[in-house]
Amino acid sequence: MAEKWIQAATEKMRKKGTLGSFGKATPKKIAAAKRKGGKAEKKAIFAQNVKRAAKHRRKRGGKKR
């Protein structure tokens, strides 16, 4: 189920041309973007959610990096 929303979001970003615009999602960078607000905050929250989903998948024995 988690993969479906990620796939839909990735497709939407590909169409808009914003795929990969946030760069490497480090905790420090995510925190700074959340403080900044606006579009940067939305990208940071999305990056955080994707990282959380990947961590959960690895924890359950799924695909590794």
PDB file of N, CA and C in Angstrom:
ATOM      1  N   MET A   1       0.819  -1.193   0.000  1.00  0.00           N
ATOM      2  CA  MET A   1       0.000   0.000   0.000  1.00  0.00           C
ATOM      3  C   MET A   1       0.865   1.261   0.000  1.00  0.00           C
ATOM      4  N   ALA A   2       1.942   1.257   0.770  1.00  0.00           N
ATOM      5  CA  ALA A   2       2.802   2.432   0.842  1.00  0.00           C
ATOM      6  C   ALA A   2       3.424   2.742  -0.514  1.00  0.00           C
ATOM      7  N   GLU A   3       3.717   1.714  -1.281  1.00  0.00           N
ATOM      8  CA  GLU A   3       4.348   1.921  -2.577  1.00  0.00           C
ATOM      9  C   GLU A   3       3.423   2.676  -3.533  1.00  0.00           C
ATOM     10  N   LYS A   4       2.126   2.497  -3.414  1.00  0.00           N
ATOM     11  CA  LYS A   4       1.198   3.125  -4.348  1.00  0.00           C
ATOM     12  C   LYS A   4       1.216   4.645  -4.235  1.00  0.00           C
ATOM     13  N   TRP A   5       1.205   5.195  -3.019  1.00  0.00           N
ATOM     14  CA  TRP A   5       1.216   6.653  -2.898  1.00  0.00           C
ATOM     15  C   TRP A   5       2.564   7.214  -3.317  1.00  0.00           C
ATOM     16  N   ILE A   6       3.632   6.457  -3.082  1.00  0.00           N
ATOM     17  CA  ILE A   6       4.950   6.918  -3.514  1.00  0.00           C
ATOM     18  C   ILE A   6       5.014   6.940  -5.039  1.00  0.00           C
ATOM     19  N   GLN A   7       4.496   5.894  -5.671  1.00  0.00           N
ATOM     20  CA  GLN A   7       4.495   5.838  -7.130  1.00  0.00           C
ATOM     21  C   GLN A   7       3.653   6.959  -7.725  1.00  0.00           C
ATOM     22  N   ALA A   8       2.501   7.224  -7.130  1.00  0.00           N
ATOM     23  CA  ALA A   8       1.645   8.296  -7.623  1.00  0.00           C
ATOM     24  C   ALA A   8       2.327   9.656  -7.462  1.00  0.00           C
ATOM     25  N   ALA A   9       2.965   9.869  -6.320  1.00  0.00           N
ATOM     26  CA  ALA A   9       3.655  11.136  -6.076  1.00  0.00           C
ATOM     27  C   ALA A   9       4.851  11.300  -7.015  1.00  0.00           C
ATOM     28  N   THR A  10       5.577  10.219  -7.249  1.00  0.00           N
ATOM     29  CA  THR A  10       6.727  10.277  -8.161  1.00  0.00           C
ATOM     30  C   THR A  10       6.275  10.618  -9.576  1.00  0.00           C
ATOM     31  N   GLU A  11       5.191  10.008 -10.005  1.00  0.00           N
ATOM     32  CA  GLU A  11       4.662  10.297 -11.343  1.00  0.00           C
ATOM     33  C   GLU A  11       4.222  11.758 -11.450  1.00  0.00           C
ATOM     34  N   LYS A  12       3.584  12.270 -10.408  1.00  0.00           N
ATOM     35  CA  LYS A  12       3.136  13.661 -10.399  1.00  0.00           C
ATOM     36  C   LYS A  12       4.340  14.606 -10.469  1.00  0.00           C
ATOM     37  N   MET A  13       5.400  14.297  -9.713  1.00  0.00           N
ATOM     38  CA  MET A  13       6.607  15.129  -9.731  1.00  0.00           C
ATOM     39  C   MET A  13       7.287  15.056 -11.093  1.00  0.00           C
ATOM     40  N   ARG A  14       7.287  13.884 -11.719  1.00  0.00           N
ATOM     41  CA  ARG A  14       7.892  13.736 -13.036  1.00  0.00           C
ATOM     42  C   ARG A  14       7.166  14.613 -14.058  1.00  0.00           C
ATOM     43  N   LYS A  15       5.827  14.638 -13.991  1.00  0.00           N
ATOM     44  CA  LYS A  15       5.042  15.461 -14.910  1.00  0.00           C
ATOM     45  C   LYS A  15       5.292  16.952 -14.691  1.00  0.00           C
ATOM     46  N   LYS A  16       5.443  17.353 -13.422  1.00  0.00           N
ATOM     47  CA  LYS A  16       5.672  18.764 -13.105  1.00  0.00           C
ATOM     48  C   LYS A  16       7.122  19.184 -13.331  1.00  0.00           C
ATOM     49  N   GLY A  17       8.014  18.209 -13.423  1.00  0.00           N
ATOM     50  CA  GLY A  17       9.422  18.524 -13.614  1.00  0.00           C
ATOM     51  C   GLY A  17      10.155  18.855 -12.330  1.00  0.00           C
ATOM     52  N   THR A  18       9.615  18.418 -11.182  1.00  0.00           N
ATOM     53  CA  THR A  18      10.244  18.719  -9.899  1.00  0.00           C
ATOM     54  C   THR A  18      10.870  17.489  -9.248  1.00  0.00           C
ATOM     55  N   LEU A  19      10.960  16.405  -9.980  1.00  0.00           N
ATOM     56  CA  LEU A  19      11.527  15.177  -9.429  1.00  0.00           C
ATOM     57  C   LEU A  19      13.000  15.402  -9.089  1.00  0.00           C
ATOM     58  N   GLY A  20      13.369  15.151  -7.857  1.00  0.00           N
ATOM     59  CA  GLY A  20      14.755  15.301  -7.422  1.00  0.00           C
ATOM     60  C   GLY A  20      15.154  16.724  -7.088  1.00  0.00           C
ATOM     61  N   SER A  21      14.210  17.635  -6.988  1.00  0.00           N
ATOM     62  CA  SER A  21      14.554  19.036  -6.742  1.00  0.00           C
ATOM     63  C   SER A  21      14.958  19.302  -5.289  1.00  0.00           C
ATOM     64  N   PHE A  22      14.641  18.392  -4.382  1.00  0.00           N
ATOM     65  CA  PHE A  22      15.006  18.593  -2.975  1.00  0.00           C
ATOM     66  C   PHE A  22      16.447  18.168  -2.714  1.00  0.00           C
ATOM     67  N   GLY A  23      16.959  17.241  -3.485  1.00  0.00           N
ATOM     68  CA  GLY A  23      18.335  16.777  -3.306  1.00  0.00           C
ATOM     69  C   GLY A  23      18.441  15.715  -2.226  1.00  0.00           C
ATOM     70  N   LYS A  24      19.623  15.578  -1.632  1.00  0.00           N
ATOM     71  CA  LYS A  24      19.864  14.585  -0.581  1.00  0.00           C
ATOM     72  C   LYS A  24      19.104  15.001   0.675  1.00  0.00           C
ATOM     73  N   ALA A  25      18.230  14.140   1.157  1.00  0.00           N
ATOM     74  CA  ALA A  25      17.363  14.473   2.288  1.00  0.00           C
ATOM     75  C   ALA A  25      18.023  14.082   3.606  1.00  0.00           C
ATOM     76  N   THR A  26      18.878  14.954   4.113  1.00  0.00           N
ATOM     77  CA  THR A  26      19.510  14.719   5.409  1.00  0.00           C
ATOM     78  C   THR A  26      18.608  15.306   6.499  1.00  0.00           C
ATOM     79  N   PRO A  27      18.710  14.803   7.725  1.00  0.00           N
ATOM     80  CA  PRO A  27      17.885  15.356   8.807  1.00  0.00           C
ATOM     81  C   PRO A  27      18.077  16.868   8.987  1.00  0.00           C
ATOM     82  N   LYS A  28      19.309  17.339   8.842  1.00  0.00           N
ATOM     83  CA  LYS A  28      19.598  18.768   8.994  1.00  0.00           C
ATOM     84  C   LYS A  28      18.900  19.585   7.905  1.00  0.00           C
ATOM     85  N   LYS A  29      18.940  19.075   6.671  1.00  0.00           N
ATOM     86  CA  LYS A  29      18.324  19.766   5.548  1.00  0.00           C
ATOM     87  C   LYS A  29      16.799  19.763   5.668  1.00  0.00           C
ATOM     88  N   ILE A  30      16.237  18.651   6.138  1.00  0.00           N
ATOM     89  CA  ILE A  30      14.789  18.550   6.328  1.00  0.00           C
ATOM     90  C   ILE A  30      14.329  19.553   7.378  1.00  0.00           C
ATOM     91  N   ALA A  31      15.063  19.646   8.490  1.00  0.00           N
ATOM     92  CA  ALA A  31      14.708  20.575   9.563  1.00  0.00           C
ATOM     93  C   ALA A  31      14.773  22.027   9.087  1.00  0.00           C
ATOM     94  N   ALA A  32      15.800  22.359   8.313  1.00  0.00           N
ATOM     95  CA  ALA A  32      15.942  23.727   7.803  1.00  0.00           C
ATOM     96  C   ALA A  32      14.799  24.079   6.855  1.00  0.00           C
ATOM     97  N   ALA A  33      14.411  23.145   6.007  1.00  0.00           N
ATOM     98  CA  ALA A  33      13.325  23.393   5.055  1.00  0.00           C
ATOM     99  C   ALA A  33      11.988  23.541   5.773  1.00  0.00           C
ATOM    100  N   LYS A  34      11.788  22.793   6.849  1.00  0.00           N
ATOM    101  CA  LYS A  34      10.544  22.922   7.618  1.00  0.00           C
ATOM    102  C   LYS A  34      10.448  24.301   8.267  1.00  0.00           C
ATOM    103  N   ARG A  35      11.563  24.816   8.740  1.00  0.00           N
ATOM    104  CA  ARG A  35      11.574  26.163   9.333  1.00  0.00           C
ATOM    105  C   ARG A  35      11.305  27.232   8.279  1.00  0.00           C
ATOM    106  N   LYS A  36      11.777  26.987   7.062  1.00  0.00           N
ATOM    107  CA  LYS A  36      11.629  27.951   5.973  1.00  0.00           C
ATOM    108  C   LYS A  36      10.164  28.112   5.561  1.00  0.00           C
ATOM    109  N   GLY A  37       9.428  26.984   5.527  1.00  0.00           N
ATOM    110  CA  GLY A  37       8.006  27.032   5.189  1.00  0.00           C
ATOM    111  C   GLY A  37       7.763  27.006   3.690  1.00  0.00           C
ATOM    112  N   GLY A  38       6.508  27.124   3.314  1.00  0.00           N
ATOM    113  CA  GLY A  38       6.112  27.160   1.902  1.00  0.00           C
ATOM    114  C   GLY A  38       6.360  25.849   1.180  1.00  0.00           C
ATOM    115  N   LYS A  39       6.813  25.954  -0.075  1.00  0.00           N
ATOM    116  CA  LYS A  39       7.062  24.772  -0.893  1.00  0.00           C
ATOM    117  C   LYS A  39       8.199  23.937  -0.331  1.00  0.00           C
ATOM    118  N   ALA A  40       9.193  24.602   0.254  1.00  0.00           N
ATOM    119  CA  ALA A  40      10.324  23.881   0.837  1.00  0.00           C
ATOM    120  C   ALA A  40       9.847  22.971   1.969  1.00  0.00           C
ATOM    121  N   GLU A  41       8.895  23.459   2.753  1.00  0.00           N
ATOM    122  CA  GLU A  41       8.356  22.658   3.853  1.00  0.00           C
ATOM    123  C   GLU A  41       7.612  21.428   3.322  1.00  0.00           C
ATOM    124  N   LYS A  42       6.830  21.619   2.258  1.00  0.00           N
ATOM    125  CA  LYS A  42       6.098  20.497   1.669  1.00  0.00           C
ATOM    126  C   LYS A  42       7.054  19.435   1.142  1.00  0.00           C
ATOM    127  N   LYS A  43       8.129  19.879   0.476  1.00  0.00           N
ATOM    128  CA  LYS A  43       9.122  18.941  -0.040  1.00  0.00           C
ATOM    129  C   LYS A  43       9.814  18.205   1.097  1.00  0.00           C
ATOM    130  N   ALA A  44      10.094  18.921   2.189  1.00  0.00           N
ATOM    131  CA  ALA A  44      10.763  18.313   3.337  1.00  0.00           C
ATOM    132  C   ALA A  44       9.877  17.256   3.996  1.00  0.00           C
ATOM    133  N   ILE A  45       8.614  17.553   4.139  1.00  0.00           N
ATOM    134  CA  ILE A  45       7.686  16.598   4.743  1.00  0.00           C
ATOM    135  C   ILE A  45       7.560  15.357   3.858  1.00  0.00           C
ATOM    136  N   PHE A  46       7.494  15.561   2.539  1.00  0.00           N
ATOM    137  CA  PHE A  46       7.424  14.427   1.625  1.00  0.00           C
ATOM    138  C   PHE A  46       8.698  13.573   1.728  1.00  0.00           C
ATOM    139  N   ALA A  47       9.854  14.230   1.747  1.00  0.00           N
ATOM    140  CA  ALA A  47      11.127  13.501   1.864  1.00  0.00           C
ATOM    141  C   ALA A  47      11.186  12.711   3.167  1.00  0.00           C
ATOM    142  N   GLN A  48      10.700  13.300   4.233  1.00  0.00           N
ATOM    143  CA  GLN A  48      10.686  12.624   5.527  1.00  0.00           C
ATOM    144  C   GLN A  48       9.764  11.399   5.484  1.00  0.00           C
ATOM    145  N   ASN A  49       8.617  11.531   4.851  1.00  0.00           N
ATOM    146  CA  ASN A  49       7.687  10.411   4.746  1.00  0.00           C
ATOM    147  C   ASN A  49       8.257   9.271   3.907  1.00  0.00           C
ATOM    148  N   VAL A  50       8.946   9.609   2.825  1.00  0.00           N
ATOM    149  CA  VAL A  50       9.546   8.583   1.975  1.00  0.00           C
ATOM    150  C   VAL A  50      10.651   7.854   2.743  1.00  0.00           C
ATOM    151  N   LYS A  51      11.458   8.607   3.487  1.00  0.00           N
ATOM    152  CA  LYS A  51      12.513   7.982   4.292  1.00  0.00           C
ATOM    153  C   LYS A  51      11.909   7.048   5.343  1.00  0.00           C
ATOM    154  N   ARG A  52      10.815   7.482   5.950  1.00  0.00           N
ATOM    155  CA  ARG A  52      10.149   6.663   6.968  1.00  0.00           C
ATOM    156  C   ARG A  52       9.596   5.381   6.355  1.00  0.00           C
ATOM    157  N   ALA A  53       9.009   5.474   5.167  1.00  0.00           N
ATOM    158  CA  ALA A  53       8.461   4.297   4.485  1.00  0.00           C
ATOM    159  C   ALA A  53       9.576   3.320   4.121  1.00  0.00           C
ATOM    160  N   ALA A  54      10.703   3.845   3.635  1.00  0.00           N
ATOM    161  CA  ALA A  54      11.829   2.984   3.271  1.00  0.00           C
ATOM    162  C   ALA A  54      12.401   2.285   4.504  1.00  0.00           C
ATOM    163  N   LYS A  55      12.492   3.023   5.600  1.00  0.00           N
ATOM    164  CA  LYS A  55      13.011   2.438   6.849  1.00  0.00           C
ATOM    165  C   LYS A  55      12.092   1.318   7.331  1.00  0.00           C
ATOM    166  N   HIS A  56      10.796   1.559   7.244  1.00  0.00           N
ATOM    167  CA  HIS A  56       9.817   0.555   7.677  1.00  0.00           C
ATOM    168  C   HIS A  56       9.904  -0.689   6.788  1.00  0.00           C
ATOM    169  N   ARG A  57      10.068  -0.480   5.483  1.00  0.00           N
ATOM    170  CA  ARG A  57      10.163  -1.610   4.546  1.00  0.00           C
ATOM    171  C   ARG A  57      11.412  -2.441   4.843  1.00  0.00           C
ATOM    172  N   ARG A  58      12.547  -1.778   5.094  1.00  0.00           N
ATOM    173  CA  ARG A  58      13.786  -2.504   5.398  1.00  0.00           C
ATOM    174  C   ARG A  58      13.667  -3.260   6.716  1.00  0.00           C
ATOM    175  N   LYS A  59      12.994  -2.657   7.675  1.00  0.00           N
ATOM    176  CA  LYS A  59      12.814  -3.277   8.986  1.00  0.00           C
ATOM    177  C   LYS A  59      12.005  -4.571   8.880  1.00  0.00           C
ATOM    178  N   ARG A  60      11.062  -4.590   7.946  1.00  0.00           N
ATOM    179  CA  ARG A  60      10.200  -5.764   7.754  1.00  0.00           C
ATOM    180  C   ARG A  60      10.839  -6.801   6.835  1.00  0.00           C
ATOM    181  N   GLY A  61      12.083  -6.580   6.429  1.00  0.00           N
ATOM    182  CA  GLY A  61      12.777  -7.557   5.607  1.00  0.00           C
ATOM    183  C   GLY A  61      12.564  -7.382   4.123  1.00  0.00           C
ATOM    184  N   GLY A  62      12.157  -6.202   3.717  1.00  0.00           N
ATOM    185  CA  GLY A  62      11.917  -5.945   2.303  1.00  0.00           C
ATOM    186  C   GLY A  62      13.194  -5.598   1.568  1.00  0.00           C
ATOM    187  N   LYS A  63      13.019  -4.915   0.454  1.00  0.00           N
ATOM    188  CA  LYS A  63      14.114  -4.542  -0.413  1.00  0.00           C
ATOM    189  C   LYS A  63      15.117  -3.636   0.314  1.00  0.00           C
ATOM    190  N   LYS A  64      16.382  -3.961   0.181  1.00  0.00           N
ATOM    191  CA  LYS A  64      17.429  -3.152   0.788  1.00  0.00           C
ATOM    192  C   LYS A  64      18.014  -2.227  -0.259  1.00  0.00           C
ATOM    193  N   ARG A  65      18.775  -1.255   0.177  1.00  0.00           N
ATOM    194  CA  ARG A  65      19.396  -0.292  -0.749  1.00  0.00           C
ATOM    195  C   ARG A  65      20.315  -0.958  -1.697  1.00  0.00           C
TER     196      ARG A  65
END
